[in-house]
């Protein structure tokens, strides 16, 4: 099996820090959301949590508009 290690940055999985910066929320909030089943879908790759950029964007798009909680 051959894998292409030169994956464009736009296709790579996002780190917790990437998602934190994208959403403008603290890293701790992402971990809290993950532990309670909220927030965007994440995957565990070994000991690391990673997010697909499309999953994060879809989660944001599905949020209600104009509702503060």
N, C-alpha and C. Protein backbone atom coordinates (compact mmCIF):
# COMPACT_ATOMS: atom_id res chain seq x y z
N UNK A 1 0.85 -1.17 0.00
CA UNK A 1 0.00 0.00 0.00
C UNK A 1 0.89 1.23 0.00
N UNK A 2 0.57 2.19 -0.84
CA UNK A 2 1.34 3.41 -0.93
C UNK A 2 0.53 4.56 -0.36
N UNK A 3 1.18 5.39 0.43
CA UNK A 3 0.50 6.58 0.95
C UNK A 3 1.27 7.81 0.52
N UNK A 4 0.54 8.83 0.18
CA UNK A 4 1.14 10.09 -0.23
C UNK A 4 1.30 10.98 0.99
N UNK A 5 2.53 11.16 1.44
CA UNK A 5 2.78 11.95 2.64
C UNK A 5 2.77 13.45 2.35
N UNK A 6 2.67 13.84 1.09
CA UNK A 6 2.66 15.25 0.73
C UNK A 6 1.22 15.75 0.62
N UNK A 7 0.42 15.47 1.61
CA UNK A 7 -0.98 15.89 1.61
C UNK A 7 -1.05 17.41 1.73
N UNK A 8 -1.80 18.07 0.85
CA UNK A 8 -1.93 19.52 0.97
C UNK A 8 -2.50 19.90 2.34
N UNK A 9 -2.09 21.04 2.84
CA UNK A 9 -2.52 21.47 4.17
C UNK A 9 -4.03 21.61 4.26
N UNK A 10 -4.69 21.90 3.14
CA UNK A 10 -6.14 22.05 3.15
C UNK A 10 -6.85 20.72 3.36
N UNK A 11 -6.15 19.59 3.13
CA UNK A 11 -6.75 18.27 3.27
C UNK A 11 -6.38 17.60 4.59
N UNK A 12 -5.52 18.23 5.38
CA UNK A 12 -5.07 17.58 6.61
C UNK A 12 -6.12 17.71 7.71
N UNK A 13 -6.01 16.85 8.69
CA UNK A 13 -6.89 16.93 9.85
C UNK A 13 -6.45 18.10 10.72
N UNK A 14 -7.42 18.73 11.39
CA UNK A 14 -7.12 19.86 12.26
C UNK A 14 -6.84 19.38 13.67
N UNK A 15 -5.92 20.05 14.33
CA UNK A 15 -5.64 19.80 15.74
C UNK A 15 -6.67 20.53 16.58
N UNK A 16 -6.66 20.25 17.87
CA UNK A 16 -7.55 20.96 18.80
C UNK A 16 -7.23 22.46 18.75
N UNK A 17 -5.96 22.80 18.63
CA UNK A 17 -5.56 24.20 18.56
C UNK A 17 -6.07 24.86 17.28
N UNK A 18 -6.06 24.13 16.17
CA UNK A 18 -6.59 24.66 14.91
C UNK A 18 -8.08 24.98 15.04
N UNK A 19 -8.83 24.04 15.62
CA UNK A 19 -10.28 24.23 15.77
C UNK A 19 -10.57 25.35 16.76
N UNK A 20 -9.79 25.41 17.82
CA UNK A 20 -9.93 26.48 18.80
C UNK A 20 -9.78 27.85 18.13
N UNK A 21 -8.75 28.00 17.31
CA UNK A 21 -8.52 29.26 16.60
C UNK A 21 -9.63 29.54 15.60
N UNK A 22 -10.08 28.51 14.88
CA UNK A 22 -11.14 28.68 13.88
C UNK A 22 -12.45 29.13 14.52
N UNK A 23 -12.80 28.51 15.65
CA UNK A 23 -14.08 28.82 16.31
C UNK A 23 -13.98 29.99 17.28
N UNK A 24 -12.77 30.33 17.69
CA UNK A 24 -12.59 31.40 18.66
C UNK A 24 -13.02 31.00 20.06
N UNK A 25 -12.81 29.74 20.40
CA UNK A 25 -13.14 29.26 21.75
C UNK A 25 -11.88 28.65 22.36
N UNK A 26 -11.79 28.62 23.69
CA UNK A 26 -10.62 28.02 24.33
C UNK A 26 -10.52 26.51 24.05
N UNK A 27 -9.31 26.01 24.07
CA UNK A 27 -9.06 24.58 23.89
C UNK A 27 -9.84 23.77 24.92
N UNK A 28 -9.89 24.25 26.15
CA UNK A 28 -10.62 23.55 27.20
C UNK A 28 -12.10 23.39 26.88
N UNK A 29 -12.67 24.36 26.18
CA UNK A 29 -14.08 24.26 25.78
C UNK A 29 -14.27 23.10 24.81
N UNK A 30 -13.34 22.93 23.88
CA UNK A 30 -13.44 21.81 22.94
C UNK A 30 -13.38 20.47 23.66
N UNK A 31 -12.47 20.36 24.63
CA UNK A 31 -12.38 19.11 25.39
C UNK A 31 -13.65 18.88 26.22
N UNK A 32 -14.21 19.95 26.78
CA UNK A 32 -15.46 19.82 27.54
C UNK A 32 -16.60 19.39 26.63
N UNK A 33 -16.71 20.02 25.46
CA UNK A 33 -17.74 19.63 24.50
C UNK A 33 -17.59 18.17 24.12
N UNK A 34 -16.37 17.75 23.86
CA UNK A 34 -16.12 16.36 23.44
C UNK A 34 -16.55 15.39 24.54
N UNK A 35 -16.26 15.72 25.79
CA UNK A 35 -16.60 14.80 26.89
C UNK A 35 -18.10 14.73 27.15
N UNK A 36 -18.85 15.73 26.70
CA UNK A 36 -20.30 15.73 26.90
C UNK A 36 -21.07 15.44 25.61
N UNK A 37 -20.35 15.09 24.54
CA UNK A 37 -21.01 14.74 23.28
C UNK A 37 -21.48 15.93 22.48
N UNK A 38 -20.98 17.12 22.80
CA UNK A 38 -21.34 18.33 22.05
C UNK A 38 -20.18 18.69 21.13
N UNK A 39 -20.38 19.72 20.35
CA UNK A 39 -19.31 20.20 19.49
C UNK A 39 -19.16 19.38 18.23
N UNK A 40 -18.21 19.77 17.40
CA UNK A 40 -18.01 19.06 16.13
C UNK A 40 -17.46 17.65 16.35
N UNK A 41 -17.74 16.78 15.40
CA UNK A 41 -17.22 15.41 15.46
C UNK A 41 -15.70 15.42 15.46
N UNK A 42 -15.13 14.57 16.29
CA UNK A 42 -13.67 14.45 16.37
C UNK A 42 -13.29 12.99 16.28
N UNK A 43 -12.05 12.77 15.92
CA UNK A 43 -11.51 11.42 15.84
C UNK A 43 -10.27 11.32 16.70
N UNK A 44 -10.08 10.17 17.29
CA UNK A 44 -8.86 9.94 18.05
C UNK A 44 -7.90 9.18 17.14
N UNK A 45 -6.72 9.75 16.96
CA UNK A 45 -5.66 9.12 16.18
C UNK A 45 -4.55 8.82 17.19
N UNK A 46 -4.51 7.59 17.66
CA UNK A 46 -3.58 7.27 18.75
C UNK A 46 -3.97 8.05 19.99
N UNK A 47 -3.06 8.84 20.52
CA UNK A 47 -3.37 9.64 21.70
C UNK A 47 -3.83 11.05 21.36
N UNK A 48 -3.98 11.34 20.07
CA UNK A 48 -4.31 12.69 19.63
C UNK A 48 -5.77 12.79 19.17
N UNK A 49 -6.38 13.94 19.41
CA UNK A 49 -7.72 14.24 18.92
C UNK A 49 -7.57 15.08 17.66
N UNK A 50 -8.25 14.68 16.61
CA UNK A 50 -8.18 15.41 15.35
C UNK A 50 -9.59 15.62 14.80
N UNK A 51 -9.74 16.67 14.01
CA UNK A 51 -11.01 17.05 13.42
C UNK A 51 -10.87 17.15 11.90
N UNK A 52 -11.89 16.69 11.19
CA UNK A 52 -11.94 16.93 9.75
C UNK A 52 -12.48 18.34 9.56
N UNK A 53 -11.79 19.17 8.78
CA UNK A 53 -12.26 20.54 8.57
C UNK A 53 -13.70 20.61 8.08
N UNK A 54 -14.09 19.70 7.19
CA UNK A 54 -15.47 19.70 6.68
C UNK A 54 -16.47 19.41 7.79
N UNK A 55 -16.12 18.56 8.76
CA UNK A 55 -17.01 18.27 9.89
C UNK A 55 -17.19 19.52 10.76
N UNK A 56 -16.11 20.24 10.98
CA UNK A 56 -16.18 21.45 11.80
C UNK A 56 -17.05 22.49 11.10
N UNK A 57 -16.83 22.69 9.82
CA UNK A 57 -17.62 23.67 9.07
C UNK A 57 -19.10 23.27 9.02
N UNK A 58 -19.38 21.99 8.84
CA UNK A 58 -20.77 21.51 8.82
C UNK A 58 -21.43 21.72 10.17
N UNK A 59 -20.69 21.50 11.26
CA UNK A 59 -21.23 21.70 12.60
C UNK A 59 -21.59 23.17 12.80
N UNK A 60 -20.71 24.07 12.36
CA UNK A 60 -20.99 25.51 12.47
C UNK A 60 -22.21 25.87 11.64
N UNK A 61 -22.30 25.35 10.43
CA UNK A 61 -23.43 25.66 9.55
C UNK A 61 -24.76 25.17 10.13
N UNK A 62 -24.73 24.11 10.93
CA UNK A 62 -25.96 23.55 11.50
C UNK A 62 -26.40 24.25 12.78
N UNK A 63 -25.57 25.14 13.32
CA UNK A 63 -25.95 25.84 14.55
C UNK A 63 -27.12 26.78 14.28
N UNK A 64 -28.01 26.94 15.26
CA UNK A 64 -29.11 27.89 15.09
C UNK A 64 -28.55 29.31 14.96
N UNK A 65 -29.20 30.10 14.15
CA UNK A 65 -28.78 31.48 13.93
C UNK A 65 -29.47 32.39 14.93
N UNK A 66 -28.71 33.27 15.55
CA UNK A 66 -29.28 34.29 16.42
C UNK A 66 -29.75 33.81 17.78
N UNK A 67 -29.30 32.65 18.20
CA UNK A 67 -29.72 32.12 19.50
C UNK A 67 -28.50 32.08 20.41
N UNK A 68 -28.55 32.82 21.50
CA UNK A 68 -27.47 32.79 22.48
C UNK A 68 -27.87 31.84 23.60
N UNK A 69 -26.89 31.08 24.07
CA UNK A 69 -27.20 30.15 25.18
C UNK A 69 -26.21 30.29 26.29
